[in-house]
């Protein structure tokens, strides 16, 4: 797949870039060089390679949920400026 000069002009226009003719030519050459380099990856045999989401092994570090002693509702609400039905009462932010 090659990028044409027209493609470069179109993207430059969408990006609101004012490129000179020399810059358009240079961009076309450079973008085609990048695409040709990336196409080399298609030559690799990846049939036995398992897909990965990370380069390094990532494992879940979450602990198991377990019931532990905590504050009672009365202790929690002791510092609340306002409380209603066991919940913090805050000023309305929507009208």
PDB file of N, CA and C in Angstrom:
ATOM      1  N   UNK A   1       0.846  -1.180   0.000  1.00  0.00           N
ATOM      2  CA  UNK A   1       0.000   0.000   0.000  1.00  0.00           C
ATOM      3  C   UNK A   1       0.890   1.242   0.000  1.00  0.00           C
ATOM      4  N   UNK A   2       0.574   2.150  -0.888  1.00  0.00           N
ATOM      5  CA  UNK A   2       1.337   3.394  -0.973  1.00  0.00           C
ATOM      6  C   UNK A   2       0.434   4.588  -0.701  1.00  0.00           C
ATOM      7  N   UNK A   3       1.035   5.612  -0.179  1.00  0.00           N
ATOM      8  CA  UNK A   3       0.320   6.869   0.035  1.00  0.00           C
ATOM      9  C   UNK A   3       0.645   7.778  -1.148  1.00  0.00           C
ATOM     10  N   UNK A   4      -0.394   8.318  -1.742  1.00  0.00           N
ATOM     11  CA  UNK A   4      -0.182   9.187  -2.904  1.00  0.00           C
ATOM     12  C   UNK A   4      -0.019  10.634  -2.461  1.00  0.00           C
ATOM     13  N   UNK A   5       0.438  11.425  -3.384  1.00  0.00           N
ATOM     14  CA  UNK A   5       0.577  12.852  -3.137  1.00  0.00           C
ATOM     15  C   UNK A   5      -0.788  13.461  -2.827  1.00  0.00           C
ATOM     16  N   UNK A   6      -1.823  12.945  -3.473  1.00  0.00           N
ATOM     17  CA  UNK A   6      -3.184  13.439  -3.228  1.00  0.00           C
ATOM     18  C   UNK A   6      -3.626  13.122  -1.794  1.00  0.00           C
ATOM     19  N   UNK A   7      -3.249  11.934  -1.292  1.00  0.00           N
ATOM     20  CA  UNK A   7      -3.565  11.588   0.102  1.00  0.00           C
ATOM     21  C   UNK A   7      -2.923  12.570   1.067  1.00  0.00           C
ATOM     22  N   UNK A   8      -1.670  12.890   0.804  1.00  0.00           N
ATOM     23  CA  UNK A   8      -0.946  13.827   1.668  1.00  0.00           C
ATOM     24  C   UNK A   8      -1.613  15.198   1.617  1.00  0.00           C
ATOM     25  N   UNK A   9      -1.975  15.642   0.431  1.00  0.00           N
ATOM     26  CA  UNK A   9      -2.636  16.944   0.297  1.00  0.00           C
ATOM     27  C   UNK A   9      -3.976  16.956   1.025  1.00  0.00           C
ATOM     28  N   UNK A  10      -4.711  15.856   0.927  1.00  0.00           N
ATOM     29  CA  UNK A  10      -6.014  15.762   1.586  1.00  0.00           C
ATOM     30  C   UNK A  10      -5.870  15.835   3.108  1.00  0.00           C
ATOM     31  N   UNK A  11      -4.936  15.063   3.652  1.00  0.00           N
ATOM     32  CA  UNK A  11      -4.717  15.065   5.102  1.00  0.00           C
ATOM     33  C   UNK A  11      -4.192  16.416   5.568  1.00  0.00           C
ATOM     34  N   UNK A  12      -3.337  17.023   4.766  1.00  0.00           N
ATOM     35  CA  UNK A  12      -2.818  18.352   5.121  1.00  0.00           C
ATOM     36  C   UNK A  12      -3.958  19.363   5.163  1.00  0.00           C
ATOM     37  N   UNK A  13      -4.866  19.250   4.213  1.00  0.00           N
ATOM     38  CA  UNK A  13      -6.014  20.167   4.187  1.00  0.00           C
ATOM     39  C   UNK A  13      -6.897  19.945   5.409  1.00  0.00           C
ATOM     40  N   UNK A  14      -7.177  18.679   5.741  1.00  0.00           N
ATOM     41  CA  UNK A  14      -7.986  18.373   6.920  1.00  0.00           C
ATOM     42  C   UNK A  14      -7.315  18.864   8.201  1.00  0.00           C
ATOM     43  N   UNK A  15      -5.984  18.810   8.212  1.00  0.00           N
ATOM     44  CA  UNK A  15      -5.219  19.234   9.388  1.00  0.00           C
ATOM     45  C   UNK A  15      -4.938  20.725   9.384  1.00  0.00           C
ATOM     46  N   UNK A  16      -5.379  21.386   8.331  1.00  0.00           N
ATOM     47  CA  UNK A  16      -5.145  22.828   8.170  1.00  0.00           C
ATOM     48  C   UNK A  16      -3.650  23.163   8.175  1.00  0.00           C
ATOM     49  N   UNK A  17      -2.903  22.324   7.467  1.00  0.00           N
ATOM     50  CA  UNK A  17      -1.466  22.551   7.317  1.00  0.00           C
ATOM     51  C   UNK A  17      -1.205  23.124   5.937  1.00  0.00           C
ATOM     52  N   UNK A  18      -0.454  24.182   5.876  1.00  0.00           N
ATOM     53  CA  UNK A  18      -0.056  24.767   4.607  1.00  0.00           C
ATOM     54  C   UNK A  18       1.324  24.240   4.252  1.00  0.00           C
ATOM     55  N   UNK A  19       1.356  23.176   3.451  1.00  0.00           N
ATOM     56  CA  UNK A  19       2.627  22.579   3.061  1.00  0.00           C
ATOM     57  C   UNK A  19       3.037  23.087   1.687  1.00  0.00           C
ATOM     58  N   UNK A  20       4.319  23.292   1.540  1.00  0.00           N
ATOM     59  CA  UNK A  20       4.843  23.646   0.219  1.00  0.00           C
ATOM     60  C   UNK A  20       4.896  22.376  -0.628  1.00  0.00           C
ATOM     61  N   UNK A  21       5.119  22.531  -1.919  1.00  0.00           N
ATOM     62  CA  UNK A  21       5.231  21.361  -2.807  1.00  0.00           C
ATOM     63  C   UNK A  21       6.367  20.450  -2.371  1.00  0.00           C
ATOM     64  N   UNK A  22       7.465  21.053  -1.947  1.00  0.00           N
ATOM     65  CA  UNK A  22       8.610  20.258  -1.489  1.00  0.00           C
ATOM     66  C   UNK A  22       8.262  19.478  -0.228  1.00  0.00           C
ATOM     67  N   UNK A  23       7.527  20.112   0.684  1.00  0.00           N
ATOM     68  CA  UNK A  23       7.120  19.421   1.922  1.00  0.00           C
ATOM     69  C   UNK A  23       6.131  18.299   1.618  1.00  0.00           C
ATOM     70  N   UNK A  24       5.230  18.518   0.662  1.00  0.00           N
ATOM     71  CA  UNK A  24       4.285  17.459   0.277  1.00  0.00           C
ATOM     72  C   UNK A  24       5.032  16.250  -0.273  1.00  0.00           C
ATOM     73  N   UNK A  25       6.012  16.512  -1.113  1.00  0.00           N
ATOM     74  CA  UNK A  25       6.819  15.422  -1.682  1.00  0.00           C
ATOM     75  C   UNK A  25       7.581  14.679  -0.587  1.00  0.00           C
ATOM     76  N   UNK A  26       8.173  15.451   0.312  1.00  0.00           N
ATOM     77  CA  UNK A  26       8.941  14.854   1.412  1.00  0.00           C
ATOM     78  C   UNK A  26       8.042  13.996   2.303  1.00  0.00           C
ATOM     79  N   UNK A  27       6.864  14.524   2.656  1.00  0.00           N
ATOM     80  CA  UNK A  27       5.922  13.769   3.494  1.00  0.00           C
ATOM     81  C   UNK A  27       5.482  12.483   2.802  1.00  0.00           C
ATOM     82  N   UNK A  28       5.233  12.565   1.494  1.00  0.00           N
ATOM     83  CA  UNK A  28       4.824  11.377   0.743  1.00  0.00           C
ATOM     84  C   UNK A  28       5.915  10.314   0.807  1.00  0.00           C
ATOM     85  N   UNK A  29       7.159  10.711   0.585  1.00  0.00           N
ATOM     86  CA  UNK A  29       8.282   9.771   0.643  1.00  0.00           C
ATOM     87  C   UNK A  29       8.436   9.174   2.040  1.00  0.00           C
ATOM     88  N   UNK A  30       8.377  10.026   3.057  1.00  0.00           N
ATOM     89  CA  UNK A  30       8.584   9.554   4.429  1.00  0.00           C
ATOM     90  C   UNK A  30       7.456   8.623   4.880  1.00  0.00           C
ATOM     91  N   UNK A  31       6.222   8.980   4.562  1.00  0.00           N
ATOM     92  CA  UNK A  31       5.099   8.123   4.962  1.00  0.00           C
ATOM     93  C   UNK A  31       5.142   6.781   4.235  1.00  0.00           C
ATOM     94  N   UNK A  32       5.522   6.788   2.964  1.00  0.00           N
ATOM     95  CA  UNK A  32       5.653   5.529   2.236  1.00  0.00           C
ATOM     96  C   UNK A  32       6.783   4.684   2.803  1.00  0.00           C
ATOM     97  N   UNK A  33       7.872   5.312   3.222  1.00  0.00           N
ATOM     98  CA  UNK A  33       8.973   4.570   3.832  1.00  0.00           C
ATOM     99  C   UNK A  33       8.517   3.907   5.128  1.00  0.00           C
ATOM    100  N   UNK A  34       7.711   4.615   5.917  1.00  0.00           N
ATOM    101  CA  UNK A  34       7.192   4.048   7.170  1.00  0.00           C
ATOM    102  C   UNK A  34       6.293   2.861   6.868  1.00  0.00           C
ATOM    103  N   UNK A  35       5.394   3.002   5.886  1.00  0.00           N
ATOM    104  CA  UNK A  35       4.485   1.901   5.537  1.00  0.00           C
ATOM    105  C   UNK A  35       5.243   0.684   5.014  1.00  0.00           C
ATOM    106  N   UNK A  36       6.248   0.897   4.182  1.00  0.00           N
ATOM    107  CA  UNK A  36       7.030  -0.221   3.652  1.00  0.00           C
ATOM    108  C   UNK A  36       7.783  -0.924   4.767  1.00  0.00           C
ATOM    109  N   UNK A  37       8.280  -0.167   5.721  1.00  0.00           N
ATOM    110  CA  UNK A  37       8.974  -0.776   6.858  1.00  0.00           C
ATOM    111  C   UNK A  37       7.994  -1.604   7.691  1.00  0.00           C
ATOM    112  N   UNK A  38       6.788  -1.066   7.919  1.00  0.00           N
ATOM    113  CA  UNK A  38       5.783  -1.785   8.704  1.00  0.00           C
ATOM    114  C   UNK A  38       5.309  -3.038   7.981  1.00  0.00           C
ATOM    115  N   UNK A  39       5.299  -3.025   6.643  1.00  0.00           N
ATOM    116  CA  UNK A  39       4.884  -4.199   5.876  1.00  0.00           C
ATOM    117  C   UNK A  39       5.837  -5.373   6.073  1.00  0.00           C
ATOM    118  N   UNK A  40       7.072  -5.104   6.461  1.00  0.00           N
ATOM    119  CA  UNK A  40       8.028  -6.184   6.711  1.00  0.00           C
ATOM    120  C   UNK A  40       7.551  -7.079   7.847  1.00  0.00           C
ATOM    121  N   UNK A  41       6.736  -6.538   8.752  1.00  0.00           N
ATOM    122  CA  UNK A  41       6.224  -7.342   9.864  1.00  0.00           C
ATOM    123  C   UNK A  41       5.327  -8.473   9.365  1.00  0.00           C
ATOM    124  N   UNK A  42       4.694  -8.282   8.199  1.00  0.00           N
ATOM    125  CA  UNK A  42       3.844  -9.324   7.635  1.00  0.00           C
ATOM    126  C   UNK A  42       4.647 -10.545   7.203  1.00  0.00           C
ATOM    127  N   UNK A  43       5.943 -10.397   7.040  1.00  0.00           N
ATOM    128  CA  UNK A  43       6.799 -11.513   6.640  1.00  0.00           C
ATOM    129  C   UNK A  43       7.102 -12.453   7.804  1.00  0.00           C
ATOM    130  N   UNK A  44       6.866 -12.009   9.018  1.00  0.00           N
ATOM    131  CA  UNK A  44       7.175 -12.833  10.187  1.00  0.00           C
ATOM    132  C   UNK A  44       6.159 -13.943  10.362  1.00  0.00           C
ATOM    133  N   UNK A  45       6.639 -15.115  10.768  1.00  0.00           N
ATOM    134  CA  UNK A  45       5.768 -16.245  11.057  1.00  0.00           C
ATOM    135  C   UNK A  45       5.312 -16.128  12.506  1.00  0.00           C
ATOM    136  N   UNK A  46       4.051 -15.764  12.700  1.00  0.00           N
ATOM    137  CA  UNK A  46       3.521 -15.571  14.055  1.00  0.00           C
ATOM    138  C   UNK A  46       2.448 -16.600  14.401  1.00  0.00           C
ATOM    139  N   UNK A  47       2.427 -17.729  13.669  1.00  0.00           N
ATOM    140  CA  UNK A  47       1.400 -18.743  13.902  1.00  0.00           C
ATOM    141  C   UNK A  47       1.452 -19.311  15.315  1.00  0.00           C
ATOM    142  N   UNK A  48       2.653 -19.491  15.857  1.00  0.00           N
ATOM    143  CA  UNK A  48       2.795 -20.093  17.187  1.00  0.00           C
ATOM    144  C   UNK A  48       2.959 -19.061  18.290  1.00  0.00           C
ATOM    145  N   UNK A  49       2.706 -17.791  17.985  1.00  0.00           N
ATOM    146  CA  UNK A  49       2.859 -16.730  18.978  1.00  0.00           C
ATOM    147  C   UNK A  49       1.489 -16.399  19.560  1.00  0.00           C
ATOM    148  N   UNK A  50       1.403 -16.516  20.865  1.00  0.00           N
ATOM    149  CA  UNK A  50       0.133 -16.228  21.537  1.00  0.00           C
ATOM    150  C   UNK A  50      -0.081 -14.720  21.623  1.00  0.00           C
ATOM    151  N   UNK A  51      -1.291 -14.248  21.305  1.00  0.00           N
ATOM    152  CA  UNK A  51      -1.558 -12.804  21.404  1.00  0.00           C
ATOM    153  C   UNK A  51      -1.377 -12.320  22.841  1.00  0.00           C
ATOM    154  N   UNK A  52      -0.841 -11.110  22.987  1.00  0.00           N
ATOM    155  CA  UNK A  52      -0.633 -10.547  24.310  1.00  0.00           C
ATOM    156  C   UNK A  52      -1.177  -9.132  24.364  1.00  0.00           C
ATOM    157  N   UNK A  53      -1.499  -8.693  25.559  1.00  0.00           N
ATOM    158  CA  UNK A  53      -1.949  -7.319  25.744  1.00  0.00           C
ATOM    159  C   UNK A  53      -0.851  -6.471  26.370  1.00  0.00           C
ATOM    160  N   UNK A  54       0.137  -7.132  27.002  1.00  0.00           N
ATOM    161  CA  UNK A  54       1.241  -6.428  27.635  1.00  0.00           C
ATOM    162  C   UNK A  54       2.544  -7.131  27.296  1.00  0.00           C
ATOM    163  N   UNK A  55       3.602  -6.388  27.286  1.00  0.00           N
ATOM    164  CA  UNK A  55       4.913  -6.967  27.028  1.00  0.00           C
ATOM    165  C   UNK A  55       5.351  -7.807  28.219  1.00  0.00           C
ATOM    166  N   UNK A  56       5.031  -7.341  29.414  1.00  0.00           N
ATOM    167  CA  UNK A  56       5.396  -8.050  30.633  1.00  0.00           C
ATOM    168  C   UNK A  56       4.206  -8.829  31.165  1.00  0.00           C
ATOM    169  N   UNK A  57       4.494  -9.877  31.920  1.00  0.00           N
ATOM    170  CA  UNK A  57       3.424 -10.654  32.535  1.00  0.00           C
ATOM    171  C   UNK A  57       2.717  -9.799  33.592  1.00  0.00           C
ATOM    172  N   UNK A  58       1.399  -9.697  33.483  1.00  0.00           N
ATOM    173  CA  UNK A  58       0.623  -8.907  34.425  1.00  0.00           C
ATOM    174  C   UNK A  58      -0.358  -9.855  35.102  1.00  0.00           C
ATOM    175  N   UNK A  59      -0.397  -9.815  36.421  1.00  0.00           N
ATOM    176  CA  UNK A  59      -1.340 -10.664  37.148  1.00  0.00           C
ATOM    177  C   UNK A  59      -2.184  -9.800  38.071  1.00  0.00           C
ATOM    178  N   UNK A  60      -3.331 -10.320  38.422  1.00  0.00           N
ATOM    179  CA  UNK A  60      -4.250  -9.605  39.295  1.00  0.00           C
ATOM    180  C   UNK A  60      -3.677  -9.575  40.703  1.00  0.00           C
ATOM    181  N   UNK A  61      -3.571  -8.406  41.280  1.00  0.00           N
ATOM    182  CA  UNK A  61      -3.003  -8.274  42.615  1.00  0.00           C
ATOM    183  C   UNK A  61      -4.079  -7.940  43.648  1.00  0.00           C
ATOM    184  N   UNK A  62      -5.333  -8.138  43.276  1.00  0.00           N
ATOM    185  CA  UNK A  62      -6.424  -7.848  44.206  1.00  0.00           C
ATOM    186  C   UNK A  62      -6.511  -8.950  45.259  1.00  0.00           C
ATOM    187  N   UNK A  63      -6.828  -8.563  46.454  1.00  0.00           N
ATOM    188  CA  UNK A  63      -6.975  -9.551  47.522  1.00  0.00           C
ATOM    189  C   UNK A  63      -8.417 -10.033  47.559  1.00  0.00           C
ATOM    190  N   UNK A  64      -8.636 -11.126  48.212  1.00  0.00           N
ATOM    191  CA  UNK A  64      -9.981 -11.650  48.394  1.00  0.00           C
ATOM    192  C   UNK A  64     -10.761 -10.735  49.336  1.00  0.00           C
ATOM    193  N   UNK A  65     -12.051 -10.577  49.072  1.00  0.00           N
ATOM    194  CA  UNK A  65     -12.895  -9.802  49.980  1.00  0.00           C
ATOM    195  C   UNK A  65     -13.120 -10.604  51.252  1.00  0.00           C
ATOM    196  N   UNK A  66     -12.981  -9.947  52.376  1.00  0.00           N
ATOM    197  CA  UNK A  66     -13.253 -10.614  53.647  1.00  0.00           C
ATOM    198  C   UNK A  66     -13.855  -9.598  54.608  1.00  0.00           C
ATOM    199  N   UNK A  67     -14.771 -10.055  55.401  1.00  0.00           N
ATOM    200  CA  UNK A  67     -15.427  -9.192  56.366  1.00  0.00           C
ATOM    201  C   UNK A  67     -14.451  -8.914  57.500  1.00  0.00           C
ATOM    202  N   UNK A  68     -14.296  -7.624  57.813  1.00  0.00           N
ATOM    203  CA  UNK A  68     -13.420  -7.226  58.906  1.00  0.00           C
ATOM    204  C   UNK A  68     -14.162  -6.206  59.756  1.00  0.00           C
ATOM    205  N   UNK A  69     -13.747  -6.026  60.982  1.00  0.00           N
ATOM    206  CA  UNK A  69     -14.411  -5.031  61.824  1.00  0.00           C
ATOM    207  C   UNK A  69     -14.254  -3.634  61.215  1.00  0.00           C
ATOM    208  N   UNK A  70     -15.316  -2.841  61.290  1.00  0.00           N
ATOM    209  CA  UNK A  70     -15.256  -1.477  60.775  1.00  0.00           C
ATOM    210  C   UNK A  70     -16.100  -0.578  61.661  1.00  0.00           C
ATOM    211  N   UNK A  71     -16.233   0.674  61.258  1.00  0.00           N
ATOM    212  CA  UNK A  71     -16.986   1.634  62.065  1.00  0.00           C
ATOM    213  C   UNK A  71     -18.476   1.354  61.997  1.00  0.00           C
ATOM    214  N   UNK A  72     -19.154   1.659  63.072  1.00  0.00           N
ATOM    215  CA  UNK A  72     -20.608   1.545  63.058  1.00  0.00           C
ATOM    216  C   UNK A  72     -21.188   2.767  62.354  1.00  0.00           C
ATOM    217  N   UNK A  73     -22.448   2.698  61.984  1.00  0.00           N
ATOM    218  CA  UNK A  73     -23.101   3.813  61.309  1.00  0.00           C
ATOM    219  C   UNK A  73     -23.097   5.055  62.193  1.00  0.00           C
ATOM    220  N   UNK A  74     -23.285   4.873  63.480  1.00  0.00           N
ATOM    221  CA  UNK A  74     -23.280   6.015  64.393  1.00  0.00           C
ATOM    222  C   UNK A  74     -21.899   6.682  64.433  1.00  0.00           C
ATOM    223  N   UNK A  75     -20.845   5.881  64.432  1.00  0.00           N
ATOM    224  CA  UNK A  75     -19.500   6.436  64.442  1.00  0.00           C
ATOM    225  C   UNK A  75     -19.201   7.200  63.146  1.00  0.00           C
ATOM    226  N   UNK A  76     -19.670   6.694  62.040  1.00  0.00           N
ATOM    227  CA  UNK A  76     -19.439   7.347  60.750  1.00  0.00           C
ATOM    228  C   UNK A  76     -20.180   8.672  60.693  1.00  0.00           C
ATOM    229  N   UNK A  77     -21.423   8.679  61.138  1.00  0.00           N
ATOM    230  CA  UNK A  77     -22.247   9.876  61.027  1.00  0.00           C
ATOM    231  C   UNK A  77     -21.931  10.926  62.090  1.00  0.00           C
ATOM    232  N   UNK A  78     -21.108  10.577  63.039  1.00  0.00           N
ATOM    233  CA  UNK A  78     -20.759  11.504  64.107  1.00  0.00           C
ATOM    234  C   UNK A  78     -20.114  12.788  63.559  1.00  0.00           C
ATOM    235  N   UNK A  79     -19.321  12.691  62.504  1.00  0.00           N
ATOM    236  CA  UNK A  79     -18.644  13.854  61.931  1.00  0.00           C
ATOM    237  C   UNK A  79     -19.375  14.457  60.734  1.00  0.00           C
ATOM    238  N   UNK A  80     -20.518  13.913  60.382  1.00  0.00           N
ATOM    239  CA  UNK A  80     -21.243  14.437  59.226  1.00  0.00           C
ATOM    240  C   UNK A  80     -21.885  15.773  59.583  1.00  0.00           C
ATOM    241  N   UNK A  81     -21.720  16.803  58.718  1.00  0.00           N
ATOM    242  CA  UNK A  81     -22.368  18.090  58.994  1.00  0.00           C
ATOM    243  C   UNK A  81     -23.886  17.938  59.042  1.00  0.00           C
ATOM    244  N   UNK A  82     -24.437  17.159  58.107  1.00  0.00           N
ATOM    245  CA  UNK A  82     -25.868  16.869  58.106  1.00  0.00           C
ATOM    246  C   UNK A  82     -26.058  15.418  57.711  1.00  0.00           C
ATOM    247  N   UNK A  83     -27.097  14.813  58.289  1.00  0.00           N
ATOM    248  CA  UNK A  83     -27.362  13.402  58.036  1.00  0.00           C
ATOM    249  C   UNK A  83     -28.863  13.214  57.903  1.00  0.00           C
ATOM    250  N   UNK A  84     -29.247  12.312  56.995  1.00  0.00           N
ATOM    251  CA  UNK A  84     -30.673  12.017  56.821  1.00  0.00           C
ATOM    252  C   UNK A  84     -30.820  10.546  56.458  1.00  0.00           C
ATOM    253  N   UNK A  85     -31.555   9.813  57.228  1.00  0.00           N
ATOM    254  CA  UNK A  85     -31.812   8.387  57.005  1.00  0.00           C
ATOM    255  C   UNK A  85     -30.530   7.568  56.879  1.00  0.00           C
ATOM    256  N   UNK A  86     -29.521   7.883  57.703  1.00  0.00           N
ATOM    257  CA  UNK A  86     -28.284   7.119  57.694  1.00  0.00           C
ATOM    258  C   UNK A  86     -27.378   7.438  56.526  1.00  0.00           C
ATOM    259  N   UNK A  87     -27.595   8.582  55.871  1.00  0.00           N
ATOM    260  CA  UNK A  87     -26.765   8.973  54.731  1.00  0.00           C
ATOM    261  C   UNK A  87     -26.299  10.407  54.914  1.00  0.00           C
ATOM    262  N   UNK A  88     -25.150  10.739  54.290  1.00  0.00           N
ATOM    263  CA  UNK A  88     -24.686  12.113  54.316  1.00  0.00           C
ATOM    264  C   UNK A  88     -25.647  12.968  53.511  1.00  0.00           C
ATOM    265  N   UNK A  89     -26.020  14.116  54.052  1.00  0.00           N
ATOM    266  CA  UNK A  89     -26.888  15.038  53.315  1.00  0.00           C
ATOM    267  C   UNK A  89     -26.001  16.156  52.796  1.00  0.00           C
ATOM    268  N   UNK A  90     -26.052  16.366  51.481  1.00  0.00           N
ATOM    269  CA  UNK A  90     -25.231  17.372  50.829  1.00  0.00           C
ATOM    270  C   UNK A  90     -26.135  18.335  50.064  1.00  0.00           C
ATOM    271  N   UNK A  91     -25.651  19.534  49.807  1.00  0.00           N
ATOM    272  CA  UNK A  91     -26.460  20.479  49.037  1.00  0.00           C
ATOM    273  C   UNK A  91     -26.707  19.960  47.624  1.00  0.00           C
ATOM    274  N   UNK A  92     -27.879  20.249  47.095  1.00  0.00           N
ATOM    275  CA  UNK A  92     -28.215  19.838  45.729  1.00  0.00           C
ATOM    276  C   UNK A  92     -27.330  20.601  44.747  1.00  0.00           C
ATOM    277  N   UNK A  93     -26.888  19.907  43.696  1.00  0.00           N
ATOM    278  CA  UNK A  93     -26.069  20.577  42.695  1.00  0.00           C
ATOM    279  C   UNK A  93     -26.825  20.755  41.373  1.00  0.00           C
ATOM    280  N   UNK A  94     -27.994  20.138  41.269  1.00  0.00           N
ATOM    281  CA  UNK A  94     -28.805  20.245  40.065  1.00  0.00           C
ATOM    282  C   UNK A  94     -30.057  21.043  40.381  1.00  0.00           C
ATOM    283  N   UNK A  95     -30.487  21.815  39.439  1.00  0.00           N
ATOM    284  CA  UNK A  95     -31.710  22.592  39.650  1.00  0.00           C
ATOM    285  C   UNK A  95     -32.858  21.974  38.901  1.00  0.00           C
TER     286      UNK A  95
END
